[in-house]
Amino acid sequence: MSLYYDVAPSGIEGLDQLIGGGFIRGRTYLVSGETGTAKTLFALSFLINGALKYGEPGIYLSVDETYEQFVSGASRFGWSIEELRGNGLLEVLIPEMDIVEKIREKEPSAIAKSLITAIRDYAYALGAQRLAIDPIAPLVTLEKDVQVLREYIRALIMGIEREVGVTTLITTEIPSGVSTLSRYGVEEFLATGVMVLGIGRDHHGDFKRVLFIRKMRWSPVQPGVYEIDIVPRVGVVVKGRAAGPISPVTSSIVSIA
């Protein structure tokens, strides 16, 4: 455990002992990676483990799919979202597309303010201690200037930490073929920690899912690459430091010699 901060254990098997016992409460952590690298499952593992292992209610916010699609997908994986909601351990915020289109017409600062207010109200009603935003910038049209998008993300993250106070995981997709840690180049600077998910290939040619712990502020963590598994009804499991050689398949993961 951290000597100086109260931490929220992620509950993700194999992770907490690597990051000083868990995530600093009230701070924001970034989970990034290219498409198909298990960012959503990582975020849900954090929320569901928090609910089932530690009795900490959480909120999941996304606009990437409908509520029905989300519940169905989680059910196929072995998680009952409806049961968690019925027990007051999880709330799911997925706006309808017509509402999303109306929101996108607003200025990014107004969008951030509206989201913070909604999250704060749900967090208060639920007693939520955890939040996952998956991904961070879906409510702002990509036609906006990148600098405007960055200011929206900055206002959203800082506002949640200041006004809501939950421990937050945000996801962001890294475009294929680039070496950045996030889509907009600002998320990693605002986050207290950065974890990058990717896919590598070992010397036998077998594909491996890997986690790159890039940054963990105020925790005694050395950057490293770790092999992970996806286990039904459990979520993401960190198996241990990746054994080399592992060659990156996704560009966001460094090569292991």
C-alpha atoms as a PDB file:
ATOM      1  CA  MET A   1       0.000   0.000   0.000  1.00  0.00           C
ATOM      2  CA  SER A   2       1.039   3.594  -0.565  1.00  0.00           C
ATOM      3  CA  LEU A   3       2.620   5.270   2.461  1.00  0.00           C
ATOM      4  CA  TYR A   4       1.189   8.685   1.644  1.00  0.00           C
ATOM      5  CA  TYR A   5      -2.114   8.232  -0.192  1.00  0.00           C
ATOM      6  CA  ASP A   6      -5.299   6.265   0.347  1.00  0.00           C
ATOM      7  CA  VAL A   7      -5.550   3.902  -2.594  1.00  0.00           C
ATOM      8  CA  ALA A   8      -8.409   2.068  -4.279  1.00  0.00           C
ATOM      9  CA  PRO A   9      -7.399  -1.507  -5.132  1.00  0.00           C
ATOM     10  CA  SER A  10      -8.197  -2.209  -8.754  1.00  0.00           C
ATOM     11  CA  GLY A  11      -9.072  -5.812  -7.884  1.00  0.00           C
ATOM     12  CA  ILE A  12      -7.478  -6.808 -11.194  1.00  0.00           C
ATOM     13  CA  GLU A  13      -5.515  -9.965 -10.469  1.00  0.00           C
ATOM     14  CA  GLY A  14      -1.765  -9.340 -10.609  1.00  0.00           C
ATOM     15  CA  LEU A  15      -1.984  -5.560 -11.044  1.00  0.00           C
ATOM     16  CA  ASP A  16      -2.225  -4.003  -7.594  1.00  0.00           C
ATOM     17  CA  GLN A  17       1.087  -5.382  -6.337  1.00  0.00           C
ATOM     18  CA  LEU A  18       2.750  -3.703  -9.326  1.00  0.00           C
ATOM     19  CA  ILE A  19       1.314  -0.229  -8.698  1.00  0.00           C
ATOM     20  CA  GLY A  20       1.713   0.255  -4.977  1.00  0.00           C
ATOM     21  CA  GLY A  21      -1.555  -1.356  -3.886  1.00  0.00           C
ATOM     22  CA  GLY A  22      -3.962   0.346  -6.264  1.00  0.00           C
ATOM     23  CA  PHE A  23      -4.996   3.693  -7.704  1.00  0.00           C
ATOM     24  CA  ILE A  24      -4.830   6.878  -5.646  1.00  0.00           C
ATOM     25  CA  ARG A  25      -8.391   7.717  -4.663  1.00  0.00           C
ATOM     26  CA  GLY A  26      -9.929  10.688  -6.407  1.00  0.00           C
ATOM     27  CA  ARG A  27      -7.374  10.695  -9.229  1.00  0.00           C
ATOM     28  CA  THR A  28      -7.682   9.894 -12.930  1.00  0.00           C
ATOM     29  CA  TYR A  29      -5.924   7.080 -14.785  1.00  0.00           C
ATOM     30  CA  LEU A  30      -5.630   6.566 -18.528  1.00  0.00           C
ATOM     31  CA  VAL A  31      -6.026   3.235 -20.332  1.00  0.00           C
ATOM     32  CA  SER A  32      -5.018   3.612 -23.966  1.00  0.00           C
ATOM     33  CA  GLY A  33      -4.436   1.327 -26.921  1.00  0.00           C
ATOM     34  CA  GLU A  34      -5.429   0.576 -30.467  1.00  0.00           C
ATOM     35  CA  THR A  35      -8.810  -0.935 -31.297  1.00  0.00           C
ATOM     36  CA  GLY A  36      -9.362  -4.459 -30.001  1.00  0.00           C
ATOM     37  CA  THR A  37      -6.837  -4.321 -27.156  1.00  0.00           C
ATOM     38  CA  ALA A  38      -9.370  -4.858 -24.306  1.00  0.00           C
ATOM     39  CA  LYS A  39      -9.711  -1.284 -23.052  1.00  0.00           C
ATOM     40  CA  THR A  40     -13.414  -1.701 -22.281  1.00  0.00           C
ATOM     41  CA  LEU A  41     -12.830  -4.991 -20.455  1.00  0.00           C
ATOM     42  CA  PHE A  42     -10.067  -3.362 -18.416  1.00  0.00           C
ATOM     43  CA  ALA A  43     -12.371  -0.511 -17.402  1.00  0.00           C
ATOM     44  CA  LEU A  44     -15.188  -2.897 -16.529  1.00  0.00           C
ATOM     45  CA  SER A  45     -12.817  -5.124 -14.560  1.00  0.00           C
ATOM     46  CA  PHE A  46     -11.995  -2.077 -12.435  1.00  0.00           C
ATOM     47  CA  LEU A  47     -15.669  -1.260 -11.860  1.00  0.00           C
ATOM     48  CA  ILE A  48     -16.979  -4.779 -11.318  1.00  0.00           C
ATOM     49  CA  ASN A  49     -14.114  -5.837  -9.066  1.00  0.00           C
ATOM     50  CA  GLY A  50     -14.661  -2.677  -7.065  1.00  0.00           C
ATOM     51  CA  ALA A  51     -18.334  -3.538  -6.681  1.00  0.00           C
ATOM     52  CA  LEU A  52     -18.040  -7.253  -5.931  1.00  0.00           C
ATOM     53  CA  LYS A  53     -14.763  -7.391  -3.991  1.00  0.00           C
ATOM     54  CA  TYR A  54     -14.845  -4.098  -2.111  1.00  0.00           C
ATOM     55  CA  GLY A  55     -18.476  -2.994  -2.121  1.00  0.00           C
ATOM     56  CA  GLU A  56     -17.610   0.240  -3.952  1.00  0.00           C
ATOM     57  CA  PRO A  57     -20.365   1.327  -6.365  1.00  0.00           C
ATOM     58  CA  GLY A  58     -19.290   2.616  -9.764  1.00  0.00           C
ATOM     59  CA  ILE A  59     -20.539   4.426 -12.858  1.00  0.00           C
ATOM     60  CA  TYR A  60     -19.883   3.419 -16.475  1.00  0.00           C
ATOM     61  CA  LEU A  61     -20.262   6.143 -19.122  1.00  0.00           C
ATOM     62  CA  SER A  62     -20.054   5.513 -22.849  1.00  0.00           C
ATOM     63  CA  VAL A  63     -21.792   6.352 -26.122  1.00  0.00           C
ATOM     64  CA  ASP A  64     -20.082   3.737 -28.298  1.00  0.00           C
ATOM     65  CA  GLU A  65     -23.022   1.302 -28.172  1.00  0.00           C
ATOM     66  CA  THR A  66     -26.600   1.121 -26.993  1.00  0.00           C
ATOM     67  CA  TYR A  67     -27.508   0.060 -23.477  1.00  0.00           C
ATOM     68  CA  GLU A  68     -28.969  -3.199 -24.817  1.00  0.00           C
ATOM     69  CA  GLN A  69     -25.777  -3.994 -26.753  1.00  0.00           C
ATOM     70  CA  PHE A  70     -23.649  -3.253 -23.707  1.00  0.00           C
ATOM     71  CA  VAL A  71     -25.722  -5.432 -21.365  1.00  0.00           C
ATOM     72  CA  SER A  72     -25.814  -8.265 -23.911  1.00  0.00           C
ATOM     73  CA  GLY A  73     -22.054  -8.144 -24.467  1.00  0.00           C
ATOM     74  CA  ALA A  74     -21.320  -8.134 -20.749  1.00  0.00           C
ATOM     75  CA  SER A  75     -23.729 -11.046 -20.264  1.00  0.00           C
ATOM     76  CA  ARG A  76     -21.928 -13.119 -22.900  1.00  0.00           C
ATOM     77  CA  PHE A  77     -18.731 -12.476 -20.970  1.00  0.00           C
ATOM     78  CA  GLY A  78     -20.359 -13.676 -17.751  1.00  0.00           C
ATOM     79  CA  TRP A  79     -21.244 -10.365 -16.070  1.00  0.00           C
ATOM     80  CA  SER A  80     -24.814  -9.451 -15.107  1.00  0.00           C
ATOM     81  CA  ILE A  81     -25.079  -5.700 -15.447  1.00  0.00           C
ATOM     82  CA  GLU A  82     -28.756  -5.748 -14.482  1.00  0.00           C
ATOM     83  CA  GLU A  83     -27.992  -7.607 -11.241  1.00  0.00           C
ATOM     84  CA  LEU A  84     -25.247  -5.124 -10.337  1.00  0.00           C
ATOM     85  CA  ARG A  85     -27.607  -2.229 -11.035  1.00  0.00           C
ATOM     86  CA  GLY A  86     -30.375  -3.867  -9.011  1.00  0.00           C
ATOM     87  CA  ASN A  87     -28.011  -4.193  -6.053  1.00  0.00           C
ATOM     88  CA  GLY A  88     -27.026  -0.535  -6.267  1.00  0.00           C
ATOM     89  CA  LEU A  89     -23.425  -1.350  -7.219  1.00  0.00           C
ATOM     90  CA  LEU A  90     -23.340   0.004 -10.778  1.00  0.00           C
ATOM     91  CA  GLU A  91     -24.989   2.702 -12.857  1.00  0.00           C
ATOM     92  CA  VAL A  92     -24.713   2.807 -16.638  1.00  0.00           C
ATOM     93  CA  LEU A  93     -24.913   6.131 -18.482  1.00  0.00           C
ATOM     94  CA  ILE A  94     -25.339   5.677 -22.221  1.00  0.00           C
ATOM     95  CA  PRO A  95     -27.154   8.629 -23.841  1.00  0.00           C
ATOM     96  CA  GLU A  96     -29.521   7.996 -26.735  1.00  0.00           C
ATOM     97  CA  MET A  97     -28.105   9.044 -30.107  1.00  0.00           C
ATOM     98  CA  ASP A  98     -30.577  11.898 -30.588  1.00  0.00           C
ATOM     99  CA  ILE A  99     -29.427  13.345 -27.272  1.00  0.00           C
ATOM    100  CA  VAL A 100     -25.797  12.859 -28.309  1.00  0.00           C
ATOM    101  CA  GLU A 101     -26.361  14.831 -31.501  1.00  0.00           C
ATOM    102  CA  LYS A 102     -27.913  17.694 -29.541  1.00  0.00           C
ATOM    103  CA  ILE A 103     -25.015  17.664 -27.085  1.00  0.00           C
ATOM    104  CA  ARG A 104     -22.483  17.781 -29.906  1.00  0.00           C
ATOM    105  CA  GLU A 105     -23.958  21.070 -31.076  1.00  0.00           C
ATOM    106  CA  LYS A 106     -22.791  22.712 -27.841  1.00  0.00           C
ATOM    107  CA  GLU A 107     -19.382  24.163 -27.176  1.00  0.00           C
ATOM    108  CA  PRO A 108     -16.940  21.631 -25.661  1.00  0.00           C
ATOM    109  CA  SER A 109     -16.705  23.586 -22.392  1.00  0.00           C
ATOM    110  CA  ALA A 110     -20.490  23.407 -22.019  1.00  0.00           C
ATOM    111  CA  ILE A 111     -20.412  19.685 -22.809  1.00  0.00           C
ATOM    112  CA  ALA A 112     -17.799  19.101 -20.123  1.00  0.00           C
ATOM    113  CA  LYS A 113     -19.820  21.094 -17.574  1.00  0.00           C
ATOM    114  CA  SER A 114     -23.013  19.168 -18.389  1.00  0.00           C
ATOM    115  CA  LEU A 115     -21.234  15.822 -18.071  1.00  0.00           C
ATOM    116  CA  ILE A 116     -19.641  16.759 -14.762  1.00  0.00           C
ATOM    117  CA  THR A 117     -23.018  17.791 -13.364  1.00  0.00           C
ATOM    118  CA  ALA A 118     -24.685  14.562 -14.517  1.00  0.00           C
ATOM    119  CA  ILE A 119     -21.872  12.382 -13.163  1.00  0.00           C
ATOM    120  CA  ARG A 120     -21.863  14.269  -9.858  1.00  0.00           C
ATOM    121  CA  ASP A 121     -25.621  13.787  -9.427  1.00  0.00           C
ATOM    122  CA  TYR A 122     -25.478  10.060 -10.217  1.00  0.00           C
ATOM    123  CA  ALA A 123     -22.409   9.591  -8.013  1.00  0.00           C
ATOM    124  CA  TYR A 124     -24.171  11.271  -5.092  1.00  0.00           C
ATOM    125  CA  ALA A 125     -27.340   9.197  -5.532  1.00  0.00           C
ATOM    126  CA  LEU A 126     -25.425   5.922  -5.863  1.00  0.00           C
ATOM    127  CA  GLY A 127     -22.671   6.648  -3.384  1.00  0.00           C
ATOM    128  CA  ALA A 128     -20.269   5.915  -6.239  1.00  0.00           C
ATOM    129  CA  GLN A 129     -16.564   5.705  -5.572  1.00  0.00           C
ATOM    130  CA  ARG A 130     -15.435   4.649  -9.058  1.00  0.00           C
ATOM    131  CA  LEU A 131     -16.025   5.916 -12.576  1.00  0.00           C
ATOM    132  CA  ALA A 132     -15.097   4.650 -16.032  1.00  0.00           C
ATOM    133  CA  ILE A 133     -15.448   6.862 -19.118  1.00  0.00           C
ATOM    134  CA  ASP A 134     -15.065   4.662 -22.191  1.00  0.00           C
ATOM    135  CA  PRO A 135     -13.863   6.496 -24.266  1.00  0.00           C
ATOM    136  CA  ILE A 136     -13.039  10.028 -23.083  1.00  0.00           C
ATOM    137  CA  ALA A 137     -14.098  12.120 -26.088  1.00  0.00           C
ATOM    138  CA  PRO A 138     -17.094  10.568 -27.863  1.00  0.00           C
ATOM    139  CA  LEU A 139     -19.481  13.449 -27.203  1.00  0.00           C
ATOM    140  CA  VAL A 140     -17.429  15.998 -29.117  1.00  0.00           C
ATOM    141  CA  THR A 141     -17.526  15.870 -32.885  1.00  0.00           C
ATOM    142  CA  LEU A 142     -14.169  15.119 -34.451  1.00  0.00           C
ATOM    143  CA  GLU A 143     -14.646  18.137 -36.694  1.00  0.00           C
ATOM    144  CA  LYS A 144     -13.655  20.340 -33.770  1.00  0.00           C
ATOM    145  CA  ASP A 145     -10.159  21.775 -33.665  1.00  0.00           C
ATOM    146  CA  VAL A 146      -7.710  19.520 -31.807  1.00  0.00           C
ATOM    147  CA  GLN A 147      -6.851  22.296 -29.366  1.00  0.00           C
ATOM    148  CA  VAL A 148     -10.545  22.731 -28.557  1.00  0.00           C
ATOM    149  CA  LEU A 149     -10.840  18.984 -27.965  1.00  0.00           C
ATOM    150  CA  ARG A 150      -7.860  19.120 -25.648  1.00  0.00           C
ATOM    151  CA  GLU A 151      -9.437  21.890 -23.617  1.00  0.00           C
ATOM    152  CA  TYR A 152     -12.651  19.846 -23.362  1.00  0.00           C
ATOM    153  CA  ILE A 153     -10.711  16.838 -22.051  1.00  0.00           C
ATOM    154  CA  ARG A 154      -8.766  19.038 -19.631  1.00  0.00           C
ATOM    155  CA  ALA A 155     -11.967  20.632 -18.292  1.00  0.00           C
ATOM    156  CA  LEU A 156     -13.683  17.254 -17.971  1.00  0.00           C
ATOM    157  CA  ILE A 157     -10.859  15.513 -16.093  1.00  0.00           C
ATOM    158  CA  MET A 158     -10.097  18.412 -13.777  1.00  0.00           C
ATOM    159  CA  GLY A 159     -13.780  19.056 -13.128  1.00  0.00           C
ATOM    160  CA  ILE A 160     -14.470  15.422 -12.195  1.00  0.00           C
ATOM    161  CA  GLU A 161     -11.533  15.354  -9.790  1.00  0.00           C
ATOM    162  CA  ARG A 162     -12.567  18.658  -8.223  1.00  0.00           C
ATOM    163  CA  GLU A 163     -16.353  18.264  -8.078  1.00  0.00           C
ATOM    164  CA  VAL A 164     -17.024  14.509  -8.000  1.00  0.00           C
ATOM    165  CA  GLY A 165     -13.979  13.053  -6.279  1.00  0.00           C
ATOM    166  CA  VAL A 166     -14.304   9.483  -7.561  1.00  0.00           C
ATOM    167  CA  THR A 167     -11.395   7.338  -8.710  1.00  0.00           C
ATOM    168  CA  THR A 168     -11.615   7.437 -12.500  1.00  0.00           C
ATOM    169  CA  LEU A 169     -10.418   5.322 -15.405  1.00  0.00           C
ATOM    170  CA  ILE A 170     -10.682   6.894 -18.837  1.00  0.00           C
ATOM    171  CA  THR A 171      -9.990   5.081 -22.079  1.00  0.00           C
ATOM    172  CA  THR A 172      -8.724   6.526 -25.310  1.00  0.00           C
ATOM    173  CA  GLU A 173      -8.062   4.863 -28.626  1.00  0.00           C
ATOM    174  CA  ILE A 174      -4.660   5.275 -30.236  1.00  0.00           C
ATOM    175  CA  PRO A 175      -4.893   5.517 -34.033  1.00  0.00           C
ATOM    176  CA  SER A 176      -3.152   2.604 -35.751  1.00  0.00           C
ATOM    177  CA  GLY A 177       0.384   3.205 -36.935  1.00  0.00           C
ATOM    178  CA  VAL A 178       1.309   6.025 -34.560  1.00  0.00           C
ATOM    179  CA  SER A 179       3.619   6.041 -31.547  1.00  0.00           C
ATOM    180  CA  THR A 180       1.646   8.408 -29.303  1.00  0.00           C
ATOM    181  CA  LEU A 181       0.144   7.378 -25.959  1.00  0.00           C
ATOM    182  CA  SER A 182      -3.286   8.873 -26.631  1.00  0.00           C
ATOM    183  CA  ARG A 183      -5.470  10.168 -29.427  1.00  0.00           C
ATOM    184  CA  TYR A 184      -5.283  13.872 -28.591  1.00  0.00           C
ATOM    185  CA  GLY A 185      -1.877  14.134 -26.945  1.00  0.00           C
ATOM    186  CA  VAL A 186      -3.110  15.645 -23.674  1.00  0.00           C
ATOM    187  CA  GLU A 187      -4.772  12.770 -21.784  1.00  0.00           C
ATOM    188  CA  GLU A 188      -1.487  11.263 -20.601  1.00  0.00           C
ATOM    189  CA  PHE A 189      -0.314  14.559 -19.113  1.00  0.00           C
ATOM    190  CA  LEU A 190      -3.516  15.056 -17.114  1.00  0.00           C
ATOM    191  CA  ALA A 191      -3.697  11.474 -15.837  1.00  0.00           C
ATOM    192  CA  THR A 192      -1.992  10.340 -12.651  1.00  0.00           C
ATOM    193  CA  GLY A 193      -1.156   7.037 -14.335  1.00  0.00           C
ATOM    194  CA  VAL A 194      -0.960   5.697 -17.882  1.00  0.00           C
ATOM    195  CA  MET A 195      -1.442   2.059 -18.896  1.00  0.00           C
ATOM    196  CA  VAL A 196      -1.168   1.087 -22.546  1.00  0.00           C
ATOM    197  CA  LEU A 197      -2.761  -2.111 -23.847  1.00  0.00           C
ATOM    198  CA  GLY A 198      -1.482  -3.825 -26.948  1.00  0.00           C
ATOM    199  CA  ILE A 199      -0.778  -7.052 -28.792  1.00  0.00           C
ATOM    200  CA  GLY A 200       2.649  -8.595 -29.306  1.00  0.00           C
ATOM    201  CA  ARG A 201       4.086 -11.751 -30.823  1.00  0.00           C
ATOM    202  CA  ASP A 202       6.598 -14.051 -29.116  1.00  0.00           C
ATOM    203  CA  HIS A 203       9.494 -15.931 -30.716  1.00  0.00           C
ATOM    204  CA  HIS A 204       7.142 -18.859 -31.512  1.00  0.00           C
ATOM    205  CA  GLY A 205       4.908 -16.521 -33.491  1.00  0.00           C
ATOM    206  CA  ASP A 206       2.104 -16.719 -30.910  1.00  0.00           C
ATOM    207  CA  PHE A 207       0.099 -13.581 -30.208  1.00  0.00           C
ATOM    208  CA  LYS A 208       0.173 -12.179 -26.679  1.00  0.00           C
ATOM    209  CA  ARG A 209      -1.913  -9.485 -25.047  1.00  0.00           C
ATOM    210  CA  VAL A 210       0.319  -7.109 -23.128  1.00  0.00           C
ATOM    211  CA  LEU A 211       0.063  -4.191 -20.718  1.00  0.00           C
ATOM    212  CA  PHE A 212       2.659  -1.416 -20.720  1.00  0.00           C
ATOM    213  CA  ILE A 213       2.732   0.504 -17.438  1.00  0.00           C
ATOM    214  CA  ARG A 214       4.070   3.796 -18.747  1.00  0.00           C
ATOM    215  CA  LYS A 215       3.451   6.131 -15.823  1.00  0.00           C
ATOM    216  CA  MET A 216       2.225   5.858 -12.234  1.00  0.00           C
ATOM    217  CA  ARG A 217       2.702   9.166 -10.427  1.00  0.00           C
ATOM    218  CA  TRP A 218       3.502   9.031  -6.693  1.00  0.00           C
ATOM    219  CA  SER A 219       3.884   5.260  -6.775  1.00  0.00           C
ATOM    220  CA  PRO A 220       7.139   3.234  -6.728  1.00  0.00           C
ATOM    221  CA  VAL A 221       6.577   1.739 -10.161  1.00  0.00           C
ATOM    222  CA  GLN A 222       9.180   1.057 -12.808  1.00  0.00           C
ATOM    223  CA  PRO A 223       7.850   1.178 -16.390  1.00  0.00           C
ATOM    224  CA  GLY A 224       7.408  -2.350 -17.695  1.00  0.00           C
ATOM    225  CA  VAL A 225       5.543  -4.606 -20.101  1.00  0.00           C
ATOM    226  CA  TYR A 226       3.389  -7.388 -18.663  1.00  0.00           C
ATOM    227  CA  GLU A 227       1.506 -10.239 -20.281  1.00  0.00           C
ATOM    228  CA  ILE A 228      -2.245 -10.256 -19.662  1.00  0.00           C
ATOM    229  CA  ASP A 229      -5.136 -12.648 -20.205  1.00  0.00           C
ATOM    230  CA  ILE A 230      -8.857 -12.099 -20.649  1.00  0.00           C
ATOM    231  CA  VAL A 231     -10.824 -14.522 -18.467  1.00  0.00           C
ATOM    232  CA  PRO A 232     -14.630 -14.840 -18.697  1.00  0.00           C
ATOM    233  CA  ARG A 233     -16.479 -13.775 -15.510  1.00  0.00           C
ATOM    234  CA  VAL A 234     -13.167 -12.450 -14.165  1.00  0.00           C
ATOM    235  CA  GLY A 235     -11.976  -9.839 -16.661  1.00  0.00           C
ATOM    236  CA  VAL A 236      -8.395  -8.781 -17.251  1.00  0.00           C
ATOM    237  CA  VAL A 237      -5.697 -10.761 -15.412  1.00  0.00           C
ATOM    238  CA  VAL A 238      -2.040  -9.633 -15.279  1.00  0.00           C
ATOM    239  CA  LYS A 239       0.107 -12.766 -15.521  1.00  0.00           C
ATOM    240  CA  GLY A 240       3.521 -11.229 -14.930  1.00  0.00           C
ATOM    241  CA  ARG A 241       6.349  -9.465 -16.699  1.00  0.00           C
ATOM    242  CA  ALA A 242       6.480 -10.371 -20.371  1.00  0.00           C
ATOM    243  CA  ALA A 243       9.336 -12.692 -21.301  1.00  0.00           C
ATOM    244  CA  GLY A 244      11.288 -11.729 -24.396  1.00  0.00           C
ATOM    245  CA  PRO A 245      11.624 -11.585 -27.181  1.00  0.00           C
ATOM    246  CA  ILE A 246       8.194 -10.104 -27.893  1.00  0.00           C
ATOM    247  CA  SER A 247       7.721  -8.048 -31.026  1.00  0.00           C
ATOM    248  CA  PRO A 248       4.990  -5.398 -31.080  1.00  0.00           C
ATOM    249  CA  VAL A 249       2.009  -5.927 -33.343  1.00  0.00           C
ATOM    250  CA  THR A 250       0.282  -2.770 -32.171  1.00  0.00           C
ATOM    251  CA  SER A 251       2.493   0.281 -32.531  1.00  0.00           C
ATOM    252  CA  SER A 252       1.856   1.547 -28.993  1.00  0.00           C
ATOM    253  CA  ILE A 253       3.783  -1.294 -27.334  1.00  0.00           C
ATOM    254  CA  VAL A 254       7.537  -1.235 -27.113  1.00  0.00           C
ATOM    255  CA  SER A 255       9.616  -4.187 -28.280  1.00  0.00           C
ATOM    256  CA  ILE A 256      10.933  -6.595 -25.624  1.00  0.00           C
ATOM    257  CA  ALA A 257      14.365  -7.929 -26.434  1.00  0.00           C
END
